Amino acid sequence: MMEWFDSHCHVDEEKFDEDREAVLARMREHGITRYAVIGSDMATSRRVIEFARRHDGAVAVGGIHPHEAKGFREDDLAEIGQWYREGAIRAIGEIGLDYYYDFSPRDIQKEVCIRQLELAWELGAPVAWHIRDAHGDVLEIMKGMKSRLTGGIIHCFSGSAEIAKEYLKLGYYISFAGPLTFRKAPKLQEAAKLIPKERLLIETDSPYMAPEPVRGTRNEPTNVRFVGLKLAELREEDPEEVAAYTMANAMQVYGID
């Protein structure tokens, strides 16, 4: 059986409370042996840490999402840093900018993003990026801090091949989610063909954005295989090869032996 790594999911969320054990059983049945559960604020970061401690194959990522930037407190950085030093989280995130919803003011989003990037530099920690309708400002921040970037993941990549190349130059992995499988995603699919295989990841971002052929349902990590199979189709590669190198890449970025 092929083994897959879902590099970004939220299987800890309440949408899975009624059938989480069944979801985890389906994951095992379909070879999803490793997965990253991602926090969005301090409370959910603590929750994913506890979740990862209780579940084999899970790793935790903690930090402050741009939606939650307005609630940032100075003490948060010290706690996030402690989690990383203790090995409770494998990366800081998801951090970034979201100009689609603007749930936090943009100047505050930028400030909190930069503060977490500075923490990542201090720790040597990778980061998980959330970027929506904000590639220009994110690239400006990255280039301004180029000598202090520690790499990580562009989660749920939504840009063009040209934008992907910019992130690759800055040392990031590119992760594709359900939208890669959508019929009307030519720019995304073109980008997926061009990215070097040593920098590719796959994810579900579940419970959001279910891929074809289960689009419109609650997403779950089991469906990461559909993203992987689409990637194999686009790149004309064997699915087993895609499963192997996306697993190896995720292990690398999250520092897993």
Protein backbone atom coordinates (compact mmCIF):
# COMPACT_ATOMS: atom_id res chain seq x y z
CA MET A 1 0.00 0.00 0.00
CA MET A 2 1.19 3.52 -0.79
CA GLU A 3 1.78 5.71 2.27
CA TRP A 4 0.82 9.39 2.18
CA PHE A 5 1.65 12.41 4.36
CA ASP A 6 -1.11 15.04 4.69
CA SER A 7 1.09 18.05 5.36
CA HIS A 8 -1.72 20.32 6.62
CA CYS A 9 -5.07 19.40 8.17
CA HIS A 10 -7.42 20.30 11.00
CA VAL A 11 -8.73 16.89 12.01
CA ASP A 12 -8.73 18.09 15.63
CA GLU A 13 -11.59 20.54 14.93
CA GLU A 14 -15.12 20.14 16.25
CA LYS A 15 -16.44 19.19 12.81
CA PHE A 16 -14.82 15.80 13.45
CA ASP A 17 -16.01 15.38 17.04
CA GLU A 18 -18.84 12.97 16.23
CA ASP A 19 -16.84 10.53 14.10
CA ARG A 20 -13.14 11.28 14.61
CA GLU A 21 -12.22 7.67 15.38
CA ALA A 22 -13.89 6.51 12.17
CA VAL A 23 -12.02 9.20 10.23
CA LEU A 24 -8.70 8.10 11.75
CA ALA A 25 -9.54 4.47 10.90
CA ARG A 26 -10.21 5.40 7.27
CA MET A 27 -6.89 7.23 7.18
CA ARG A 28 -5.06 4.09 8.29
CA GLU A 29 -7.03 1.98 5.81
CA HIS A 30 -5.96 4.21 2.90
CA GLY A 31 -2.32 4.64 3.91
CA ILE A 32 -2.37 8.13 5.40
CA THR A 33 0.19 7.24 8.03
CA ARG A 34 1.48 10.72 8.83
CA TYR A 35 -0.21 14.09 9.04
CA ALA A 36 0.29 17.57 10.45
CA VAL A 37 -2.42 19.19 12.57
CA ILE A 38 -2.26 22.96 12.49
CA GLY A 39 -3.24 25.59 15.07
CA SER A 40 -4.60 29.04 14.26
CA ASP A 41 -4.32 30.80 17.62
CA MET A 42 -2.96 30.03 21.06
CA ALA A 43 -5.95 27.94 22.16
CA THR A 44 -6.07 25.79 19.02
CA SER A 45 -2.28 25.45 19.04
CA ARG A 46 -2.46 23.99 22.53
CA ARG A 47 -5.20 21.65 21.29
CA VAL A 48 -3.17 20.34 18.33
CA ILE A 49 -0.19 19.77 20.61
CA GLU A 50 -2.32 17.56 22.85
CA PHE A 51 -3.83 15.85 19.82
CA ALA A 52 -0.42 15.01 18.38
CA ARG A 53 0.74 13.63 21.72
CA ARG A 54 -2.19 11.19 21.74
CA HIS A 55 -2.10 10.04 18.11
CA ASP A 56 0.65 8.13 16.34
CA GLY A 57 1.72 9.69 13.07
CA ALA A 58 0.51 13.18 13.95
CA VAL A 59 2.75 16.22 14.32
CA ALA A 60 1.66 19.63 15.58
CA VAL A 61 2.23 23.10 14.15
CA GLY A 62 1.39 26.12 16.32
CA GLY A 63 1.16 29.84 15.78
CA ILE A 64 -1.13 32.76 15.04
CA HIS A 65 -3.17 32.83 11.82
CA PRO A 66 -3.72 36.22 10.14
CA HIS A 67 -7.43 35.97 10.99
CA GLU A 68 -6.46 35.89 14.68
CA ALA A 69 -3.69 38.52 14.54
CA LYS A 70 -5.90 41.12 16.24
CA GLY A 71 -5.80 38.99 19.40
CA PHE A 72 -2.00 38.79 19.55
CA ARG A 73 -0.31 39.35 22.93
CA GLU A 74 3.39 39.84 23.52
CA ASP A 75 3.53 36.79 25.82
CA ASP A 76 2.36 34.56 22.96
CA LEU A 77 5.78 34.57 21.33
CA ALA A 78 7.49 33.23 24.42
CA GLU A 79 5.01 30.36 24.66
CA ILE A 80 5.29 29.48 20.97
CA GLY A 81 9.07 29.52 21.33
CA GLN A 82 8.89 27.20 24.31
CA TRP A 83 6.69 24.76 22.42
CA TYR A 84 9.23 24.58 19.61
CA ARG A 85 12.22 24.18 21.93
CA GLU A 86 10.44 21.31 23.69
CA GLY A 87 9.57 19.60 20.42
CA ALA A 88 5.83 20.01 20.95
CA ILE A 89 5.48 21.74 17.58
CA ARG A 90 7.48 21.07 14.42
CA ALA A 91 6.93 24.46 12.75
CA ILE A 92 5.41 27.87 13.46
CA GLY A 93 2.11 28.55 11.73
CA GLU A 94 0.01 29.06 10.17
CA ILE A 95 1.25 32.60 9.76
CA GLY A 96 0.77 35.02 6.90
CA LEU A 97 -1.65 37.49 5.35
CA ASP A 98 -5.29 37.07 4.33
CA TYR A 99 -6.74 39.98 2.35
CA TYR A 100 -9.81 38.02 1.22
CA TYR A 101 -11.58 38.11 4.59
CA ASP A 102 -9.61 40.85 6.38
CA PHE A 103 -10.74 39.53 9.77
CA SER A 104 -7.77 41.39 11.28
CA PRO A 105 -6.56 44.83 10.09
CA ARG A 106 -3.85 44.48 7.47
CA ASP A 107 -1.25 46.45 9.40
CA ILE A 108 -1.74 44.16 12.40
CA GLN A 109 -1.57 41.07 10.17
CA LYS A 110 1.78 42.26 8.85
CA GLU A 111 3.15 43.07 12.30
CA VAL A 112 2.18 39.69 13.78
CA CYS A 113 3.50 37.87 10.72
CA ILE A 114 6.87 39.62 10.96
CA ARG A 115 7.12 39.00 14.70
CA GLN A 116 6.60 35.28 14.15
CA LEU A 117 9.14 35.25 11.31
CA GLU A 118 11.66 36.85 13.66
CA LEU A 119 10.91 34.18 16.25
CA ALA A 120 11.38 31.46 13.62
CA TRP A 121 14.78 32.95 12.78
CA GLU A 122 15.77 32.98 16.44
CA LEU A 123 14.76 29.32 16.80
CA GLY A 124 15.78 28.06 13.36
CA ALA A 125 12.19 26.87 12.93
CA PRO A 126 10.35 26.34 9.64
CA VAL A 127 7.08 28.19 9.11
CA ALA A 128 3.72 27.26 7.55
CA TRP A 129 2.33 30.13 5.48
CA HIS A 130 -1.31 31.06 4.91
CA ILE A 131 -1.53 33.46 1.95
CA ARG A 132 -4.79 34.59 0.38
CA ASP A 133 -5.03 37.47 -2.08
CA ALA A 134 -1.77 38.78 -0.63
CA HIS A 135 1.14 37.30 -2.60
CA GLY A 136 2.58 40.74 -3.39
CA ASP A 137 2.79 41.89 0.22
CA VAL A 138 4.03 38.49 1.43
CA LEU A 139 6.83 38.48 -1.13
CA GLU A 140 7.74 42.02 -0.10
CA ILE A 141 8.02 40.90 3.53
CA MET A 142 10.02 37.81 2.58
CA LYS A 143 12.45 39.70 0.38
CA GLY A 144 12.93 42.33 3.06
CA MET A 145 13.88 39.55 5.50
CA LYS A 146 15.66 37.35 2.97
CA SER A 147 18.75 36.75 5.09
CA ARG A 148 16.60 35.75 8.09
CA LEU A 149 14.18 33.29 6.49
CA THR A 150 14.22 29.71 7.75
CA GLY A 151 12.16 28.03 5.04
CA GLY A 152 8.97 26.08 5.45
CA ILE A 153 5.75 25.54 3.54
CA ILE A 154 3.53 27.66 1.32
CA HIS A 155 0.34 25.96 2.44
CA CYS A 156 -2.54 25.46 -0.02
CA PHE A 157 -0.68 27.21 -2.81
CA SER A 158 -3.02 29.38 -4.90
CA GLY A 159 -0.72 31.27 -7.25
CA SER A 160 0.80 30.97 -10.69
CA ALA A 161 3.97 29.22 -11.80
CA GLU A 162 5.74 32.60 -11.75
CA ILE A 163 4.79 33.21 -8.11
CA ALA A 164 5.79 29.66 -7.19
CA LYS A 165 9.25 30.30 -8.62
CA GLU A 166 9.64 33.31 -6.32
CA TYR A 167 8.82 31.21 -3.25
CA LEU A 168 11.18 28.47 -4.40
CA LYS A 169 14.02 30.99 -4.69
CA LEU A 170 13.38 31.95 -1.06
CA GLY A 171 13.69 28.36 0.11
CA TYR A 172 10.09 27.24 0.51
CA TYR A 173 8.25 24.03 -0.25
CA ILE A 174 5.00 24.36 -2.23
CA SER A 175 1.99 22.42 -0.96
CA PHE A 176 -1.05 21.65 -3.09
CA ALA A 177 -4.53 20.94 -1.74
CA GLY A 178 -7.95 20.08 -3.19
CA PRO A 179 -8.12 22.98 -5.68
CA LEU A 180 -5.38 21.27 -7.72
CA THR A 181 -8.00 18.69 -8.74
CA PHE A 182 -10.66 21.19 -9.79
CA ARG A 183 -11.55 21.38 -13.48
CA LYS A 184 -11.09 25.14 -13.68
CA ALA A 185 -7.59 25.44 -12.20
CA PRO A 186 -5.26 25.69 -15.23
CA LYS A 187 -2.73 28.08 -13.68
CA LEU A 188 -2.46 25.99 -10.53
CA GLN A 189 -2.06 22.81 -12.54
CA GLU A 190 0.60 24.39 -14.73
CA ALA A 191 2.53 25.40 -11.61
CA ALA A 192 2.34 21.85 -10.27
CA LYS A 193 3.99 20.53 -13.43
CA LEU A 194 6.97 22.86 -13.14
CA ILE A 195 7.94 22.67 -9.46
CA PRO A 196 10.93 20.37 -8.72
CA LYS A 197 9.75 17.19 -7.06
CA GLU A 198 12.09 17.74 -4.11
CA ARG A 199 10.04 20.83 -3.16
CA LEU A 200 6.49 19.47 -3.53
CA LEU A 201 4.02 18.62 -0.77
CA ILE A 202 0.35 17.63 -0.70
CA GLU A 203 -2.35 18.33 1.86
CA THR A 204 -6.09 18.43 2.45
CA ASP A 205 -6.57 21.48 4.71
CA SER A 206 -9.50 19.37 5.91
CA PRO A 207 -12.31 19.90 6.73
CA TYR A 208 -12.14 22.51 3.97
CA MET A 209 -11.83 22.34 0.15
CA ALA A 210 -12.53 18.68 -0.58
CA PRO A 211 -10.94 17.53 -3.85
CA GLU A 212 -12.56 15.82 -6.80
CA PRO A 213 -14.21 13.29 -6.74
CA VAL A 214 -15.62 14.16 -3.30
CA ARG A 215 -15.93 17.92 -3.81
CA GLY A 216 -18.77 19.46 -1.83
CA THR A 217 -18.43 17.09 1.14
CA ARG A 218 -16.62 17.57 4.42
CA ASN A 219 -12.98 17.03 3.61
CA GLU A 220 -10.79 14.64 5.62
CA PRO A 221 -7.14 13.55 5.49
CA THR A 222 -8.10 10.31 3.70
CA ASN A 223 -8.65 12.45 0.61
CA VAL A 224 -5.03 13.56 0.36
CA ARG A 225 -4.51 10.60 -1.94
CA PHE A 226 -6.75 12.25 -4.56
CA VAL A 227 -4.45 15.28 -4.55
CA GLY A 228 -1.45 13.00 -4.90
CA LEU A 229 -3.02 11.07 -7.76
CA LYS A 230 -3.85 14.31 -9.59
CA LEU A 231 -0.27 15.47 -9.12
CA ALA A 232 0.95 12.18 -10.60
CA GLU A 233 -1.39 12.58 -13.57
CA LEU A 234 -0.32 16.15 -14.29
CA ARG A 235 3.39 15.39 -14.00
CA GLU A 236 3.12 12.01 -15.78
CA GLU A 237 4.70 10.25 -12.82
CA ASP A 238 3.94 7.01 -11.06
CA PRO A 239 1.63 7.55 -8.04
CA GLU A 240 3.98 5.48 -5.89
CA GLU A 241 6.81 7.86 -6.76
CA VAL A 242 4.67 10.88 -5.85
CA ALA A 243 3.65 9.28 -2.56
CA ALA A 244 7.30 8.53 -1.75
CA TYR A 245 8.78 11.94 -2.53
CA THR A 246 5.98 13.97 -0.95
CA MET A 247 6.35 11.82 2.17
CA ALA A 248 10.13 12.35 2.19
CA ASN A 249 9.72 16.10 1.66
CA ALA A 250 7.23 16.44 4.51
CA MET A 251 9.50 14.45 6.79
CA GLN A 252 12.36 16.77 5.84
CA VAL A 253 10.54 20.06 6.39
CA TYR A 254 9.05 18.94 9.70
CA GLY A 255 12.37 17.52 10.92
CA ILE A 256 11.17 13.95 11.38
CA ASP A 257 13.77 11.17 11.40
